[in-house]
N, C-alpha and C. Protein backbone atom coordinates (compact mmCIF):
# COMPACT_ATOMS: atom_id res chain seq x y z
N MET A 1 -47.96 8.11 4.14
CA MET A 1 -47.04 8.47 5.10
C MET A 1 -45.83 9.49 4.14
N THR A 2 -45.40 10.17 4.76
CA THR A 2 -44.37 10.96 3.68
C THR A 2 -42.71 10.72 4.88
N PRO A 3 -41.84 10.02 4.76
CA PRO A 3 -40.79 10.02 5.24
C PRO A 3 -40.18 11.63 6.09
N SER A 4 -39.99 11.52 7.11
CA SER A 4 -39.67 13.04 7.89
C SER A 4 -37.96 12.51 8.68
N LEU A 5 -37.29 13.81 8.99
CA LEU A 5 -36.03 13.80 9.38
C LEU A 5 -36.44 13.67 11.54
N LYS A 6 -37.89 13.59 11.54
CA LYS A 6 -37.85 13.48 12.92
C LYS A 6 -37.91 11.98 13.34
N SER A 7 -37.65 10.73 12.48
CA SER A 7 -37.69 9.51 12.95
C SER A 7 -36.18 9.69 12.75
N LEU A 8 -36.14 8.69 14.06
CA LEU A 8 -34.67 8.13 14.39
C LEU A 8 -33.95 7.10 13.28
N ARG A 9 -34.66 6.52 12.84
CA ARG A 9 -34.20 5.59 11.88
C ARG A 9 -33.95 6.56 10.66
N ASN A 10 -34.70 7.41 10.53
CA ASN A 10 -34.06 7.88 8.99
C ASN A 10 -33.24 8.79 9.19
N ARG A 11 -32.64 9.54 10.63
CA ARG A 11 -31.64 10.12 10.68
C ARG A 11 -30.28 9.44 10.57
N PHE A 12 -30.45 7.91 11.26
CA PHE A 12 -29.29 7.09 11.58
C PHE A 12 -29.11 6.85 10.09
N LEU A 13 -29.93 6.44 8.86
CA LEU A 13 -29.63 6.23 7.67
C LEU A 13 -28.83 7.19 6.67
N ILE A 14 -29.21 8.47 7.06
CA ILE A 14 -28.63 9.50 6.41
C ILE A 14 -27.28 9.91 7.35
N ILE A 15 -26.87 9.69 8.05
CA ILE A 15 -25.79 9.73 8.80
C ILE A 15 -24.58 8.33 8.02
N ILE A 16 -25.36 7.37 8.29
CA ILE A 16 -24.30 6.74 7.46
C ILE A 16 -24.17 6.33 6.08
N LEU A 17 -25.09 6.81 5.26
CA LEU A 17 -24.91 7.40 4.02
C LEU A 17 -24.21 8.36 3.73
N ILE A 18 -24.02 9.30 4.46
CA ILE A 18 -22.78 10.51 4.21
C ILE A 18 -21.65 10.18 4.92
N LEU A 19 -21.19 9.28 5.81
CA LEU A 19 -20.03 8.42 6.44
C LEU A 19 -19.27 7.72 5.14
N VAL A 20 -20.45 7.03 4.37
CA VAL A 20 -20.01 6.41 3.07
C VAL A 20 -19.12 7.40 2.15
N ILE A 21 -20.45 8.36 1.98
CA ILE A 21 -19.76 9.00 0.97
C ILE A 21 -18.29 9.79 0.95
N ILE A 22 -18.38 10.01 2.28
CA ILE A 22 -16.78 10.71 2.82
C ILE A 22 -16.01 9.65 2.47
N ALA A 23 -16.12 8.26 2.81
CA ALA A 23 -15.22 7.24 2.97
C ALA A 23 -14.46 7.20 1.50
N PHE A 24 -15.59 7.06 0.79
CA PHE A 24 -15.31 6.99 -0.49
C PHE A 24 -14.51 7.98 -1.20
N SER A 25 -14.90 9.30 -1.01
CA SER A 25 -14.50 10.62 -1.33
C SER A 25 -12.90 10.33 -0.82
N PHE A 26 -12.79 10.31 0.33
CA PHE A 26 -11.23 9.97 0.71
C PHE A 26 -10.30 9.11 0.34
N GLN A 27 -10.81 7.89 -0.16
CA GLN A 27 -10.33 6.74 -0.66
C GLN A 27 -9.83 7.26 -2.30
N ALA A 28 -10.67 7.86 -3.03
CA ALA A 28 -10.90 8.32 -4.25
C ALA A 28 -9.31 9.54 -4.33
N VAL A 29 -9.46 10.55 -3.35
CA VAL A 29 -8.69 11.36 -3.29
C VAL A 29 -7.04 11.03 -3.03
N VAL A 30 -6.87 10.01 -2.11
CA VAL A 30 -5.53 9.53 -1.77
C VAL A 30 -5.05 8.60 -3.21
N SER A 31 -6.23 7.95 -3.53
CA SER A 31 -5.62 7.03 -4.65
C SER A 31 -5.19 7.76 -5.71
N ASN A 32 -6.03 9.19 -5.99
CA ASN A 32 -5.56 9.98 -6.87
C ASN A 32 -4.13 10.53 -6.85
N ILE A 33 -3.66 11.04 -5.56
CA ILE A 33 -2.30 11.44 -4.85
C ILE A 33 -1.54 10.44 -5.29
N LEU A 34 -1.76 9.63 -4.82
CA LEU A 34 -0.59 8.15 -4.84
C LEU A 34 -0.17 8.05 -6.39
N HIS A 35 -1.10 8.45 -7.41
CA HIS A 35 -1.14 7.48 -8.65
C HIS A 35 -0.29 8.99 -9.15
N LYS A 36 -0.40 10.15 -8.83
CA LYS A 36 0.30 11.42 -9.37
C LYS A 36 1.92 11.26 -8.86
N HIS A 37 1.96 11.03 -7.90
CA HIS A 37 3.10 11.11 -6.97
C HIS A 37 4.07 9.47 -7.09
N LYS A 38 3.57 8.62 -7.80
CA LYS A 38 4.47 7.45 -8.05
C LYS A 38 5.46 7.72 -8.39
N SER A 39 6.25 8.36 -9.16
CA SER A 39 7.72 8.49 -9.40
C SER A 39 8.47 9.10 -8.19
N ARG A 40 7.92 10.37 -7.38
CA ARG A 40 8.65 10.65 -6.43
C ARG A 40 8.75 9.82 -5.39
N ILE A 41 7.69 8.84 -5.28
CA ILE A 41 7.72 7.69 -4.49
C ILE A 41 8.66 6.61 -4.36
N GLU A 42 8.70 6.38 -5.88
CA GLU A 42 9.76 5.43 -5.88
C GLU A 42 11.23 5.73 -5.63
N ASN A 43 11.41 7.47 -6.37
CA ASN A 43 12.98 7.94 -6.06
C ASN A 43 13.02 7.93 -4.32
N TYR A 44 12.18 8.59 -3.72
CA TYR A 44 12.43 8.29 -2.44
C TYR A 44 12.67 7.27 -1.68
N LEU A 45 12.15 6.02 -2.15
CA LEU A 45 12.60 4.78 -1.39
C LEU A 45 13.97 4.53 -2.31
N ASN A 46 14.44 4.74 -3.56
CA ASN A 46 15.71 4.39 -4.12
C ASN A 46 16.74 4.99 -3.33
N ILE A 47 16.45 6.31 -3.10
CA ILE A 47 17.73 6.69 -2.33
C ILE A 47 17.96 6.36 -0.91
N ASN A 48 16.45 6.18 -0.19
CA ASN A 48 16.68 5.96 1.25
C ASN A 48 17.17 4.21 1.46
N LEU A 49 16.56 3.46 0.63
CA LEU A 49 16.84 2.33 0.69
C LEU A 49 18.21 1.41 0.12
N GLY A 50 18.88 2.56 -0.91
CA GLY A 50 19.69 2.05 -1.61
C GLY A 50 19.74 0.61 -2.72
N TYR A 51 18.59 0.60 -3.36
CA TYR A 51 17.85 -0.45 -4.18
C TYR A 51 17.15 0.46 -4.99
N ASP A 52 17.09 0.08 -6.45
CA ASP A 52 16.33 0.58 -7.30
C ASP A 52 14.81 -0.19 -7.23
N ILE A 53 13.72 0.47 -6.80
CA ILE A 53 12.60 -0.01 -6.86
C ILE A 53 11.58 0.48 -7.80
N ALA A 54 10.83 -0.39 -8.41
CA ALA A 54 9.89 0.04 -9.30
C ALA A 54 8.59 -0.83 -9.16
N PHE A 55 7.53 -0.19 -9.30
CA PHE A 55 6.21 -0.72 -9.27
C PHE A 55 5.07 -0.18 -9.87
N LYS A 56 4.23 -1.11 -10.36
CA LYS A 56 3.47 -0.61 -11.70
C LYS A 56 2.13 0.35 -11.37
N ARG A 57 1.71 -0.10 -10.02
CA ARG A 57 0.47 0.63 -9.47
C ARG A 57 0.28 0.63 -8.32
N ILE A 58 0.13 1.98 -7.75
CA ILE A 58 -0.31 2.32 -6.18
C ILE A 58 -1.37 2.78 -5.98
N SER A 59 -2.19 2.32 -5.11
CA SER A 59 -3.51 3.05 -4.72
C SER A 59 -3.68 3.09 -3.19
N PHE A 60 -5.14 3.39 -2.87
CA PHE A 60 -5.24 3.33 -1.52
C PHE A 60 -6.60 2.88 -1.47
N ASN A 61 -6.70 1.47 -0.50
CA ASN A 61 -7.96 1.26 -0.46
C ASN A 61 -8.32 1.33 1.22
N PHE A 62 -9.75 1.88 1.39
CA PHE A 62 -9.81 2.23 2.79
C PHE A 62 -10.19 1.05 3.63
N LEU A 63 -10.52 -0.07 3.22
CA LEU A 63 -10.51 -1.31 4.25
C LEU A 63 -9.19 -1.88 4.47
N LYS A 64 -8.49 -2.12 3.23
CA LYS A 64 -7.21 -2.97 3.31
C LYS A 64 -5.95 -2.35 3.49
N GLY A 65 -5.82 -0.82 3.29
CA GLY A 65 -4.87 -0.02 3.10
C GLY A 65 -4.06 0.40 1.95
N LEU A 66 -2.84 0.38 2.19
CA LEU A 66 -2.17 0.73 0.85
C LEU A 66 -1.79 -0.47 -0.16
N HIS A 67 -2.20 -0.54 -1.25
CA HIS A 67 -1.93 -1.31 -2.32
C HIS A 67 -1.31 -1.08 -3.28
N ILE A 68 0.11 -2.03 -3.16
CA ILE A 68 1.00 -1.45 -4.45
C ILE A 68 0.79 -2.97 -5.28
N SER A 69 1.00 -2.61 -6.85
CA SER A 69 1.18 -4.17 -7.37
C SER A 69 2.27 -3.57 -8.37
N GLY A 70 2.60 -4.99 -8.79
CA GLY A 70 4.12 -5.19 -9.53
C GLY A 70 5.28 -4.46 -8.90
N ILE A 71 5.65 -5.10 -7.95
CA ILE A 71 6.78 -4.41 -6.94
C ILE A 71 7.93 -4.98 -7.76
N SER A 72 9.19 -4.45 -8.46
CA SER A 72 10.35 -5.10 -8.87
C SER A 72 11.66 -4.24 -8.02
N ILE A 73 12.50 -5.25 -7.20
CA ILE A 73 13.40 -4.49 -6.54
C ILE A 73 14.87 -5.07 -7.02
N PHE A 74 15.72 -4.22 -7.81
CA PHE A 74 16.96 -4.29 -8.37
C PHE A 74 18.07 -4.27 -7.88
N TYR A 75 19.03 -4.79 -7.72
CA TYR A 75 20.17 -4.39 -6.98
C TYR A 75 21.44 -4.54 -8.05
N ASN A 76 22.65 -3.90 -7.90
CA ASN A 76 23.84 -4.24 -8.66
C ASN A 76 23.46 -4.11 -9.95
N THR A 77 22.57 -3.19 -10.39
CA THR A 77 22.65 -2.30 -12.20
C THR A 77 22.21 -3.70 -12.48
N GLN A 78 21.18 -4.71 -12.26
CA GLN A 78 20.83 -6.31 -12.94
C GLN A 78 19.68 -6.16 -13.77
N ASP A 79 19.74 -6.83 -14.86
CA ASP A 79 18.42 -6.43 -15.88
C ASP A 79 17.44 -7.18 -15.46
N LYS A 80 17.54 -7.94 -14.69
CA LYS A 80 16.31 -8.92 -14.34
C LYS A 80 15.80 -8.68 -12.95
N ALA A 81 14.99 -8.59 -12.10
CA ALA A 81 14.64 -8.40 -10.66
C ALA A 81 15.01 -9.25 -10.09
N PRO A 82 16.02 -9.38 -8.99
CA PRO A 82 15.88 -10.58 -8.19
C PRO A 82 14.74 -10.95 -7.25
N VAL A 83 14.04 -9.59 -6.82
CA VAL A 83 12.86 -9.84 -5.89
C VAL A 83 11.38 -8.85 -6.60
N PHE A 84 10.47 -9.64 -7.10
CA PHE A 84 9.37 -9.35 -7.67
C PHE A 84 8.06 -9.65 -7.14
N ILE A 85 7.47 -9.09 -6.54
CA ILE A 85 6.15 -8.90 -5.77
C ILE A 85 4.87 -8.73 -6.63
N LYS A 86 3.88 -9.47 -6.77
CA LYS A 86 2.78 -9.05 -7.70
C LYS A 86 2.00 -8.34 -6.90
N ASN A 87 1.76 -8.39 -5.86
CA ASN A 87 0.84 -7.70 -5.11
C ASN A 87 1.29 -7.57 -3.56
N ALA A 88 0.92 -6.09 -3.13
CA ALA A 88 1.32 -6.06 -1.70
C ALA A 88 0.39 -5.21 -1.02
N PHE A 89 -0.12 -5.47 0.21
CA PHE A 89 -0.92 -4.68 1.05
C PHE A 89 -0.36 -4.11 2.15
N MET A 90 -0.18 -2.98 2.50
CA MET A 90 0.21 -2.48 3.69
C MET A 90 -0.67 -1.96 4.57
N SER A 91 -1.09 -2.30 5.70
CA SER A 91 -2.00 -1.55 6.41
C SER A 91 -1.36 -0.87 7.87
N ILE A 92 -1.72 0.37 8.09
CA ILE A 92 -1.44 0.88 9.50
C ILE A 92 -2.62 0.59 10.28
N LYS A 93 -2.21 0.22 11.72
CA LYS A 93 -3.29 0.04 12.85
C LYS A 93 -3.44 1.15 13.35
N ILE A 94 -4.90 2.18 12.97
CA ILE A 94 -5.24 3.28 13.59
C ILE A 94 -4.92 3.20 15.04
N PRO A 95 -5.67 2.37 15.71
CA PRO A 95 -5.44 3.06 17.23
C PRO A 95 -4.18 3.23 17.79
N SER A 96 -2.91 2.23 17.10
CA SER A 96 -1.59 2.30 17.63
C SER A 96 -1.08 3.66 17.31
N ILE A 97 -1.55 4.29 16.36
CA ILE A 97 -1.02 5.91 16.08
C ILE A 97 -1.19 6.80 17.38
N PHE A 98 -2.63 6.44 17.83
CA PHE A 98 -2.80 7.45 19.08
C PHE A 98 -2.03 7.05 20.24
N LEU A 99 -1.53 5.67 20.43
CA LEU A 99 -0.60 5.30 21.44
C LEU A 99 0.89 5.79 21.34
N GLY A 100 1.03 6.42 20.16
CA GLY A 100 2.43 6.96 19.94
C GLY A 100 3.23 5.70 19.33
N LYS A 101 2.83 4.79 18.60
CA LYS A 101 3.47 3.44 18.12
C LYS A 101 2.76 3.49 16.58
N VAL A 102 3.48 2.86 15.79
CA VAL A 102 3.05 2.42 14.70
C VAL A 102 3.57 1.24 14.17
N VAL A 103 2.11 0.55 14.11
CA VAL A 103 2.00 -0.82 13.97
C VAL A 103 1.85 -1.14 12.51
N LEU A 104 2.53 -1.58 11.73
CA LEU A 104 2.53 -1.80 10.26
C LEU A 104 2.44 -3.58 9.65
N GLU A 105 1.31 -3.61 9.02
CA GLU A 105 1.10 -4.76 8.43
C GLU A 105 1.54 -5.09 7.03
N ILE A 106 2.27 -5.98 6.41
CA ILE A 106 2.77 -6.09 5.31
C ILE A 106 2.35 -7.73 4.82
N LYS A 107 1.48 -7.55 3.90
CA LYS A 107 0.68 -8.84 3.09
C LYS A 107 1.27 -8.98 1.71
N ALA A 108 2.13 -9.86 1.38
CA ALA A 108 2.62 -10.14 -0.03
C ALA A 108 1.97 -11.05 -0.77
N ASP A 109 1.41 -10.97 -1.95
CA ASP A 109 1.12 -11.90 -2.77
C ASP A 109 1.93 -12.34 -4.18
N GLU A 110 2.04 -13.58 -4.12
CA GLU A 110 2.72 -14.23 -5.16
C GLU A 110 4.46 -13.34 -5.30
N THR A 111 5.22 -13.73 -4.22
CA THR A 111 6.50 -13.34 -4.44
C THR A 111 7.60 -14.43 -5.01
N GLN A 112 8.23 -13.77 -6.01
CA GLN A 112 9.23 -14.28 -6.48
C GLN A 112 10.59 -14.12 -6.27
N LEU A 113 11.63 -14.65 -5.82
CA LEU A 113 12.77 -14.32 -5.15
C LEU A 113 14.06 -15.02 -6.06
N LEU A 114 14.73 -14.21 -6.73
CA LEU A 114 15.63 -14.94 -7.96
C LEU A 114 17.06 -14.66 -7.30
N VAL A 115 17.54 -16.13 -6.34
CA VAL A 115 18.83 -15.99 -5.63
C VAL A 115 20.21 -16.08 -6.43
N LYS A 116 20.75 -15.29 -5.95
CA LYS A 116 22.49 -15.57 -6.90
C LYS A 116 23.08 -16.37 -6.14
N ARG A 117 23.81 -17.37 -7.08
CA ARG A 117 24.67 -18.53 -6.54
C ARG A 117 25.94 -18.09 -6.38
N GLU A 118 26.92 -17.81 -5.03
CA GLU A 118 28.28 -17.62 -5.50
C GLU A 118 28.89 -18.80 -5.01
N GLU A 119 30.21 -18.48 -4.78
CA GLU A 119 31.21 -19.53 -4.47
C GLU A 119 30.74 -20.06 -3.12
N ASP A 120 30.59 -19.12 -2.45
CA ASP A 120 30.21 -19.49 -0.78
C ASP A 120 28.94 -19.86 -0.58
N GLY A 121 27.95 -20.04 -1.40
CA GLY A 121 26.74 -20.46 -1.36
C GLY A 121 25.73 -19.57 -1.88
N TYR A 122 24.60 -19.04 -1.40
CA TYR A 122 23.35 -18.34 -2.13
C TYR A 122 23.64 -16.84 -1.30
N ASN A 123 23.61 -16.16 -2.25
CA ASN A 123 23.47 -14.85 -2.07
C ASN A 123 22.03 -14.24 -1.54
N LEU A 124 21.75 -14.33 -0.47
CA LEU A 124 20.35 -14.16 0.45
C LEU A 124 20.05 -12.29 0.88
N GLN A 125 21.40 -11.57 0.54
CA GLN A 125 21.35 -10.55 1.16
C GLN A 125 20.35 -9.57 0.99
N ILE A 126 19.75 -9.44 -0.28
CA ILE A 126 18.50 -8.97 -0.38
C ILE A 126 17.29 -8.93 0.31
N ILE A 127 17.15 -10.41 0.79
CA ILE A 127 16.00 -10.75 1.62
C ILE A 127 16.17 -10.08 3.05
N PHE A 128 17.22 -9.89 3.50
CA PHE A 128 17.41 -9.52 4.89
C PHE A 128 17.42 -7.89 4.81
């Protein structure tokens, strides 16, 4: 017997395969765009947040969301970053967008905070 498109199972498999190819292509295109515009994203964050922010790599994962690795946050023109995050995943809940709200979930992995000690105690301003 030869496979045909009249079979419901074959049509279902072809639709699933097409959806996987579209999702993979979308992920590759978005990751490429983010990689090309990494410096523009850093400049935008620097201007709007008031801190010098740099990261090594930015990409998009269809299942996890936005993946940023090697985030360094500098302030007061210091040599060493007081905040360093090895990996961060930011995911936006898609159903909430249709309700007019944006729910953003951020997961940070291996975070290093170098706190500055001052006369009155510790300077934790960067954390807040």
